Protein backbone atom coordinates (compact mmCIF):
# COMPACT_ATOMS: atom_id res chain seq x y z
CA LEU A 1 95.95 53.76 129.45
CA GLU A 2 97.47 51.45 131.97
CA VAL A 3 97.90 49.02 130.19
CA LEU A 4 99.54 51.13 127.43
CA GLY A 5 102.01 52.70 129.81
CA SER A 6 100.12 55.82 129.83
CA ASP A 7 98.00 57.36 132.51
CA GLY A 8 96.27 60.64 132.76
CA PHE A 9 98.84 63.03 134.08
CA ARG A 10 101.27 61.76 131.18
CA LEU A 11 98.40 62.12 128.19
CA ALA A 12 97.73 65.39 129.37
CA ILE A 13 101.96 66.20 128.90
CA ALA A 14 101.80 64.78 125.43
CA GLU A 15 98.62 66.56 124.23
CA ARG A 16 99.97 70.08 125.71
CA VAL A 17 103.01 69.59 123.77
CA ALA A 18 101.60 67.59 120.55
CA LYS A 19 99.24 70.99 120.22
CA LYS A 20 102.49 72.71 119.77
CA SER A 21 104.52 69.86 117.71
CA GLN A 22 103.92 69.04 114.36
CA PRO A 23 104.48 66.36 113.89
CA PRO A 24 104.46 65.32 117.72
CA PRO A 25 108.15 64.44 119.12
CA LEU A 26 108.68 60.64 119.33
CA GLU A 27 108.51 60.81 122.82
CA ILE A 28 105.07 61.68 123.01
CA MET A 29 103.76 59.16 120.10
CA PRO A 30 103.12 56.46 122.34
CA ASP A 31 101.08 58.42 124.43
CA LEU A 32 99.06 59.42 121.84
CA ILE A 33 98.82 56.13 120.67
CA ALA A 34 97.45 54.96 124.08
CA ARG A 35 94.82 58.05 123.90
CA ALA A 36 93.37 57.19 121.02
CA LEU A 37 92.61 53.68 121.65
CA ALA A 38 91.40 54.29 125.25
CA GLN A 39 89.19 56.18 123.56
CA ARG A 40 88.07 53.79 120.61
CA ASP A 41 89.28 56.45 117.62
CA ILE A 42 90.63 53.71 115.33
CA ASP A 43 91.11 56.42 112.85
CA ARG A 44 93.99 58.26 114.99
CA ALA A 45 95.61 55.73 116.37
CA ILE A 46 95.86 54.67 112.70
CA ARG A 47 97.31 57.42 111.19
CA LEU A 48 99.37 57.51 114.62
CA LEU A 49 101.30 54.54 114.09
CA GLU A 50 101.04 55.33 110.74
CA SER A 51 103.25 59.08 111.10
CA LYS A 52 105.72 56.79 113.24
CA LYS A 53 106.12 54.31 110.39
CA ASP A 54 107.10 57.32 107.84
CA ARG A 55 109.64 58.93 110.51
CA GLY A 56 111.60 55.95 110.57
CA ILE A 57 110.61 54.28 114.24
CA PHE A 58 108.49 51.56 113.55
CA ASN A 59 108.71 48.47 115.64
CA ALA A 60 107.27 44.83 115.96
CA ASN A 61 104.35 45.66 118.29
CA ASP A 62 104.38 48.45 116.08
CA MET A 63 103.05 46.76 113.00
CA PHE A 64 100.93 44.15 114.59
CA LEU A 65 98.99 46.52 116.46
CA LEU A 66 99.01 48.81 112.85
CA THR A 67 98.25 45.73 111.34
CA TYR A 68 95.33 45.20 113.32
CA LEU A 69 93.37 48.11 113.42
CA TYR A 70 93.47 48.16 109.69
CA CYS A 71 91.88 44.64 109.57
CA LEU A 72 89.29 46.33 111.89
CA ASN A 73 88.76 49.19 110.32
CA GLY A 74 88.31 47.65 107.54
CA SER A 75 91.23 48.21 105.71
CA LEU A 76 92.30 44.25 104.69
CA GLU A 77 94.25 45.62 101.80
CA LYS A 78 96.17 47.29 103.83
CA ALA A 79 96.92 44.92 106.69
CA GLU A 80 98.07 42.00 103.99
CA GLY A 81 100.41 44.43 102.81
CA LEU A 82 102.02 46.03 105.59
CA ALA A 83 102.36 42.36 106.65
CA ALA A 84 104.08 40.70 103.46
CA THR A 85 105.94 44.13 103.89
CA ASN A 86 107.46 42.89 107.21
CA ALA A 87 107.14 39.32 106.96
CA ASN A 88 110.69 38.67 106.75
CA SER A 89 111.43 40.43 109.71
CA ILE A 90 108.59 38.31 111.80
CA LYS A 91 109.07 35.39 113.58
CA LYS A 92 107.42 32.66 113.68
CA ASP A 93 106.33 31.61 117.11
CA TRP A 94 102.83 31.08 118.96
CA PHE A 95 102.23 34.85 119.26
CA ILE A 96 102.19 34.23 115.31
CA ASP A 97 100.48 31.82 115.01
CA TRP A 98 97.57 32.75 117.07
CA LEU A 99 97.01 36.73 115.99
CA TRP A 100 97.65 35.08 112.20
CA GLY A 101 95.04 32.75 113.45
CA LYS A 102 92.35 35.58 114.64
CA LEU A 103 92.93 38.25 112.03
CA GLU A 104 92.44 34.98 109.36
CA ASN A 105 88.73 34.15 111.25
CA ASP A 106 87.60 37.54 112.47
CA PHE A 107 88.48 39.71 109.11
CA GLY A 108 89.19 36.99 106.71
CA PHE A 109 93.04 38.23 106.59
CA HIS A 110 95.32 36.33 104.31
CA PRO A 111 98.79 36.17 106.55
CA PRO A 112 101.90 36.23 104.75
CA THR A 113 103.37 33.00 103.61
CA ASN A 114 106.97 33.42 103.42
CA HIS A 115 107.78 34.09 107.66
CA GLU A 116 109.82 32.36 109.05
């Protein structure tokens, strides 16, 4: 949890708030995602990230994480579609080269060809 910027106290508060409101408030989404990842609940992490995307608060890190989780979950078409949809906003750098290479080697992912 600490690596993802959360802790047990924050998580307890986030879960209490989430039980009272659907969808969960945006402020607690990072903690809920961290919890799902810490528990290796990939499906829940995907649902939470998709919820962020649907609510218009999806950033580049969310996109990379969701792409990875789609691959991990066997949803390669979704991963490739998400990456292709966001290709114009992806700046080519060492991280992108590494991530696309890892996803390609580990899962057969085909990275978008039109990123900078």
